[in-house]
N, C-alpha and C. Protein backbone atom coordinates (compact mmCIF):
# COMPACT_ATOMS: atom_id res chain seq x y z
N MET A 1 -28.70 79.44 -31.69
CA MET A 1 -29.81 79.23 -32.27
C MET A 1 -30.05 78.20 -31.69
N SER A 2 -31.71 77.73 -32.03
CA SER A 2 -32.55 76.52 -31.08
C SER A 2 -32.01 75.62 -31.88
N ASN A 3 -32.62 74.02 -32.15
CA ASN A 3 -32.88 73.25 -32.72
C ASN A 3 -34.12 73.49 -33.91
N GLN A 4 -35.16 74.20 -33.43
CA GLN A 4 -36.25 74.27 -34.22
C GLN A 4 -35.90 75.55 -35.14
N GLU A 5 -34.56 76.69 -34.79
CA GLU A 5 -34.49 77.40 -35.79
C GLU A 5 -33.36 77.01 -36.89
N ASN A 6 -32.26 76.04 -36.27
CA ASN A 6 -31.80 74.95 -36.88
C ASN A 6 -32.35 73.96 -38.02
N HIS A 7 -33.50 73.98 -37.70
CA HIS A 7 -34.24 72.63 -38.61
C HIS A 7 -34.71 73.44 -39.81
N ASN A 8 -35.38 74.68 -39.30
CA ASN A 8 -35.95 75.57 -40.69
C ASN A 8 -35.08 75.91 -41.18
N GLU A 9 -33.96 76.22 -40.86
CA GLU A 9 -32.75 76.85 -41.57
C GLU A 9 -32.53 75.03 -43.11
N GLU A 10 -32.76 74.56 -42.18
CA GLU A 10 -31.89 73.20 -43.19
C GLU A 10 -33.25 72.95 -44.55
N MET A 11 -34.66 73.49 -43.88
CA MET A 11 -35.57 73.28 -44.86
C MET A 11 -35.28 73.99 -46.09
N ASN A 12 -34.55 75.65 -46.18
CA ASN A 12 -34.57 76.14 -47.17
C ASN A 12 -33.22 75.76 -48.21
N SER A 13 -33.25 74.54 -47.55
CA SER A 13 -31.71 74.13 -48.64
C SER A 13 -32.10 74.14 -50.26
N ILE A 14 -31.38 74.29 -51.16
CA ILE A 14 -31.41 73.49 -52.60
C ILE A 14 -30.41 73.10 -53.08
N ILE A 15 -30.22 71.96 -53.28
CA ILE A 15 -29.12 70.82 -53.46
C ILE A 15 -29.46 70.05 -55.13
N SER A 16 -28.09 69.84 -55.23
CA SER A 16 -28.34 69.84 -57.26
C SER A 16 -27.66 68.19 -56.98
N LEU A 17 -28.04 67.36 -57.17
CA LEU A 17 -27.50 65.91 -57.11
C LEU A 17 -27.48 65.59 -59.03
N THR A 18 -27.05 64.54 -59.22
CA THR A 18 -26.68 64.67 -60.86
C THR A 18 -27.51 62.80 -61.22
N ASP A 19 -28.11 62.60 -61.66
CA ASP A 19 -29.28 61.97 -62.03
C ASP A 19 -28.48 60.85 -62.92
N GLU A 20 -29.04 59.41 -63.45
CA GLU A 20 -28.41 58.28 -63.76
C GLU A 20 -27.76 58.97 -65.14
N GLN A 21 -28.90 59.46 -66.19
CA GLN A 21 -28.26 60.14 -67.01
C GLN A 21 -27.33 61.48 -67.09
N GLY A 22 -26.29 61.68 -66.07
CA GLY A 22 -25.89 62.61 -66.10
C GLY A 22 -26.53 64.39 -66.41
N ASN A 23 -27.56 64.19 -65.93
CA ASN A 23 -28.65 65.55 -65.91
C ASN A 23 -28.67 65.72 -64.08
N GLU A 24 -28.12 67.31 -64.29
CA GLU A 24 -27.90 67.87 -62.83
C GLU A 24 -29.59 68.38 -62.37
N VAL A 25 -30.24 67.96 -61.26
CA VAL A 25 -31.39 68.20 -60.95
C VAL A 25 -31.44 68.58 -59.60
N GLN A 26 -32.31 69.52 -59.34
CA GLN A 26 -32.74 70.42 -58.09
C GLN A 26 -33.58 69.90 -57.29
N PHE A 27 -33.19 69.55 -56.00
CA PHE A 27 -34.30 69.02 -55.03
C PHE A 27 -34.17 70.29 -53.89
N GLU A 28 -35.31 70.46 -53.46
CA GLU A 28 -35.20 71.01 -51.86
C GLU A 28 -34.83 69.94 -51.09
N LEU A 29 -33.82 70.29 -49.58
CA LEU A 29 -33.98 69.63 -48.98
C LEU A 29 -34.54 70.13 -47.41
N LEU A 30 -35.42 68.99 -47.14
CA LEU A 30 -36.73 69.00 -46.51
C LEU A 30 -36.25 68.61 -44.70
N ASP A 31 -35.46 67.63 -44.93
CA ASP A 31 -34.76 67.43 -43.42
C ASP A 31 -33.94 65.87 -43.43
N VAL A 32 -32.95 66.32 -42.62
CA VAL A 32 -32.05 65.14 -42.51
C VAL A 32 -32.43 64.24 -41.11
N VAL A 33 -32.64 63.13 -41.44
CA VAL A 33 -33.41 62.07 -40.97
C VAL A 33 -32.37 61.20 -39.96
N PRO A 34 -32.17 61.65 -38.60
CA PRO A 34 -31.68 60.44 -38.28
C PRO A 34 -32.84 59.23 -37.85
N TYR A 35 -31.71 57.99 -38.11
CA TYR A 35 -32.60 56.53 -37.72
C TYR A 35 -31.66 55.27 -37.91
N GLY A 36 -31.86 54.75 -36.50
CA GLY A 36 -30.70 53.53 -36.35
C GLY A 36 -29.38 53.65 -36.51
N GLY A 37 -28.71 54.47 -36.15
CA GLY A 37 -27.28 54.82 -36.29
C GLY A 37 -26.62 55.71 -37.60
N LYS A 38 -27.99 55.85 -38.48
CA LYS A 38 -27.47 56.38 -39.99
C LYS A 38 -28.44 57.47 -40.18
N GLU A 39 -27.82 58.52 -41.34
CA GLU A 39 -28.62 59.65 -41.43
C GLU A 39 -29.13 59.40 -43.12
N TYR A 40 -30.15 60.05 -43.10
CA TYR A 40 -30.62 60.31 -44.61
C TYR A 40 -31.49 61.53 -44.59
N ILE A 41 -31.44 61.90 -46.20
CA ILE A 41 -31.88 62.82 -46.61
C ILE A 41 -33.34 62.79 -46.92
N ALA A 42 -34.46 63.55 -46.54
CA ALA A 42 -35.47 63.81 -47.49
C ALA A 42 -35.51 65.11 -47.80
N ILE A 43 -36.03 64.76 -49.46
CA ILE A 43 -36.02 65.88 -50.38
C ILE A 43 -37.31 65.78 -51.53
N ILE A 44 -37.58 66.89 -51.74
CA ILE A 44 -38.67 66.14 -52.89
C ILE A 44 -38.03 67.53 -54.22
N PRO A 45 -38.19 67.45 -55.42
CA PRO A 45 -37.53 67.76 -56.79
C PRO A 45 -38.09 69.57 -56.55
N VAL A 46 -37.11 70.15 -57.24
CA VAL A 46 -37.68 71.55 -57.51
C VAL A 46 -38.25 71.75 -58.53
N SER A 47 -39.17 71.48 -59.23
CA SER A 47 -40.03 71.33 -60.59
C SER A 47 -41.01 71.88 -60.64
N GLU A 48 -40.87 73.08 -61.75
CA GLU A 48 -42.60 73.62 -61.82
C GLU A 48 -43.38 72.45 -62.63
N GLU A 49 -43.28 71.23 -63.39
CA GLU A 49 -44.04 70.23 -63.66
C GLU A 49 -44.84 69.50 -62.67
N GLU A 50 -44.32 69.33 -61.56
CA GLU A 50 -45.50 68.45 -60.42
C GLU A 50 -45.53 69.55 -59.53
N ASP A 51 -47.15 69.51 -59.49
CA ASP A 51 -47.98 70.35 -58.47
C ASP A 51 -47.78 69.64 -57.03
N ASP A 52 -47.87 68.42 -56.94
CA ASP A 52 -48.06 67.85 -55.98
C ASP A 52 -46.25 66.34 -55.86
N PRO A 53 -45.13 66.87 -55.29
CA PRO A 53 -44.31 66.31 -55.44
C PRO A 53 -43.96 65.36 -54.37
N MET A 54 -43.38 63.88 -54.50
CA MET A 54 -43.56 63.35 -53.86
C MET A 54 -41.96 63.31 -53.18
N VAL A 55 -42.12 62.97 -51.26
CA VAL A 55 -40.71 63.22 -50.65
C VAL A 55 -40.23 61.64 -51.34
N GLN A 56 -38.79 62.08 -51.56
CA GLN A 56 -37.77 60.86 -51.57
C GLN A 56 -36.81 60.74 -50.68
N LEU A 57 -36.54 59.61 -50.10
CA LEU A 57 -35.70 59.31 -49.17
C LEU A 57 -34.53 58.73 -49.54
N TYR A 58 -33.04 58.65 -49.01
CA TYR A 58 -31.97 58.60 -49.26
C TYR A 58 -31.21 58.26 -48.09
N ARG A 59 -30.21 57.17 -47.95
CA ARG A 59 -29.46 57.22 -46.91
C ARG A 59 -28.18 57.94 -47.41
N ILE A 60 -27.60 58.75 -46.00
CA ILE A 60 -26.26 59.27 -46.80
C ILE A 60 -25.47 58.84 -46.06
N VAL A 61 -24.69 58.26 -47.15
CA VAL A 61 -23.12 57.37 -47.06
C VAL A 61 -21.73 57.97 -47.05
N PRO A 62 -21.30 58.44 -46.11
CA PRO A 62 -19.89 59.61 -46.35
C PRO A 62 -18.82 58.82 -47.09
N ASP A 63 -17.80 59.47 -47.89
CA ASP A 63 -16.73 58.84 -48.29
C ASP A 63 -15.72 58.53 -46.82
N GLU A 64 -14.22 57.77 -47.38
CA GLU A 64 -13.81 57.43 -46.03
C GLU A 64 -12.81 59.11 -45.38
N SER A 65 -12.82 59.75 -46.06
CA SER A 65 -12.31 61.04 -45.82
C SER A 65 -13.56 61.94 -45.15
N GLY A 66 -14.79 61.68 -45.09
CA GLY A 66 -15.50 62.41 -44.34
C GLY A 66 -16.48 63.68 -44.94
N GLU A 67 -15.22 64.05 -46.38
CA GLU A 67 -15.45 65.28 -46.80
C GLU A 67 -16.73 65.17 -47.93
N THR A 68 -17.26 64.16 -48.38
CA THR A 68 -18.21 63.77 -49.56
C THR A 68 -19.16 62.63 -49.36
N GLU A 69 -20.41 62.97 -49.44
CA GLU A 69 -21.30 61.85 -49.15
C GLU A 69 -21.78 61.34 -50.32
N THR A 70 -22.23 60.36 -50.58
CA THR A 70 -23.18 59.99 -51.70
C THR A 70 -24.61 59.54 -50.89
N TYR A 71 -25.57 59.91 -51.72
CA TYR A 71 -26.91 58.98 -51.69
C TYR A 71 -27.46 58.42 -51.82
N VAL A 72 -28.08 57.10 -51.57
CA VAL A 72 -28.15 55.61 -51.89
C VAL A 72 -29.62 55.56 -51.41
N GLY A 73 -30.35 55.54 -52.84
CA GLY A 73 -31.28 54.46 -52.54
C GLY A 73 -31.71 54.13 -51.22
N LEU A 74 -33.16 53.52 -50.87
CA LEU A 74 -33.83 52.76 -50.04
C LEU A 74 -34.06 51.61 -50.50
N GLU A 75 -33.67 49.95 -50.44
CA GLU A 75 -33.86 49.28 -51.35
C GLU A 75 -35.00 47.94 -50.84
N SER A 76 -34.80 48.70 -48.95
CA SER A 76 -35.45 47.75 -48.20
C SER A 76 -37.33 48.49 -48.10
N GLU A 77 -38.25 48.02 -48.21
CA GLU A 77 -39.54 48.46 -48.18
C GLU A 77 -40.10 48.93 -46.71
N GLU A 78 -39.18 47.86 -45.63
CA GLU A 78 -38.99 48.21 -44.19
C GLU A 78 -38.57 49.71 -43.40
N GLU A 79 -37.23 49.33 -44.58
CA GLU A 79 -36.44 50.73 -44.04
C GLU A 79 -37.14 52.23 -44.60
N LEU A 80 -37.57 51.78 -46.05
CA LEU A 80 -38.44 53.03 -46.28
C LEU A 80 -39.28 53.92 -45.26
N GLU A 81 -40.42 52.68 -44.48
CA GLU A 81 -41.38 52.91 -44.32
C GLU A 81 -41.07 53.46 -42.75
N ALA A 82 -39.88 52.56 -41.89
CA ALA A 82 -39.51 52.95 -40.61
C ALA A 82 -38.89 54.57 -40.90
N VAL A 83 -38.23 54.80 -41.66
CA VAL A 83 -37.95 55.96 -42.05
C VAL A 83 -38.66 57.37 -42.53
N TYR A 84 -39.72 57.11 -43.07
CA TYR A 84 -40.37 58.19 -43.39
C TYR A 84 -41.50 58.42 -42.32
N HIS A 85 -41.79 57.39 -41.31
CA HIS A 85 -42.54 57.61 -40.42
C HIS A 85 -41.56 58.27 -39.82
N GLU A 86 -40.32 58.23 -39.17
CA GLU A 86 -39.80 58.89 -38.29
C GLU A 86 -39.66 60.69 -39.00
N PHE A 87 -39.39 60.88 -40.15
CA PHE A 87 -39.39 61.98 -40.89
C PHE A 87 -40.91 62.31 -40.63
N GLN A 88 -42.08 62.13 -41.22
CA GLN A 88 -43.48 62.45 -40.26
C GLN A 88 -43.63 62.71 -39.08
N ASN A 89 -43.16 62.13 -37.95
CA ASN A 89 -43.19 62.63 -36.88
C ASN A 89 -42.14 63.40 -36.09
N ARG A 90 -40.79 63.65 -37.24
CA ARG A 90 -40.38 64.68 -36.86
C ARG A 90 -40.62 66.31 -37.44
N ASN A 91 -41.71 65.93 -38.29
CA ASN A 91 -42.01 67.25 -38.93
C ASN A 91 -43.95 67.80 -39.31
N ALA A 92 -44.63 66.82 -38.10
CA ALA A 92 -45.77 66.84 -38.24
C ALA A 92 -46.52 68.17 -38.03
N ASP A 93 -45.58 69.23 -37.35
CA ASP A 93 -45.86 70.29 -37.34
C ASP A 93 -45.90 71.54 -38.38
N LEU A 94 -44.98 71.07 -39.13
CA LEU A 94 -44.29 71.44 -40.63
C LEU A 94 -45.34 71.72 -42.17
N PHE A 95 -45.44 69.91 -42.13
CA PHE A 95 -46.45 69.50 -43.54
C PHE A 95 -47.51 68.79 -43.18
N ASP A 96 -48.44 69.20 -44.07
CA ASP A 96 -49.56 68.12 -43.95
C ASP A 96 -50.00 66.89 -44.30
N PHE A 97 -49.69 65.64 -43.64
CA PHE A 97 -48.98 64.50 -44.40
C PHE A 97 -50.55 64.05 -44.63
N GLU A 98 -50.89 63.18 -45.82
CA GLU A 98 -51.85 62.38 -45.95
C GLU A 98 -52.19 60.95 -45.47
N ASP A 99 -52.93 60.45 -45.46
CA ASP A 99 -53.08 58.94 -44.48
C ASP A 99 -52.94 58.49 -45.91
């Protein structure tokens, strides 16, 4: 399987995350973005309420065993912009990004 085929297969994944109120929310996984020696997920909510959902980025933090992952929000505007720019570069042929 080529990298592009593998990348496209990942894009069709739906993941469920639990929000701060304990509600399960489904997201479409758009990409796993490597940047600066770390990995990040780019996701959008799977919701009929939003016509144009925004991409959300989270850093992947594996537990000590490596079997479970936690997704941590990006606090630094610099890190957020850099990871989003990398996401755009990796997916320029798949998405139409607004300036």
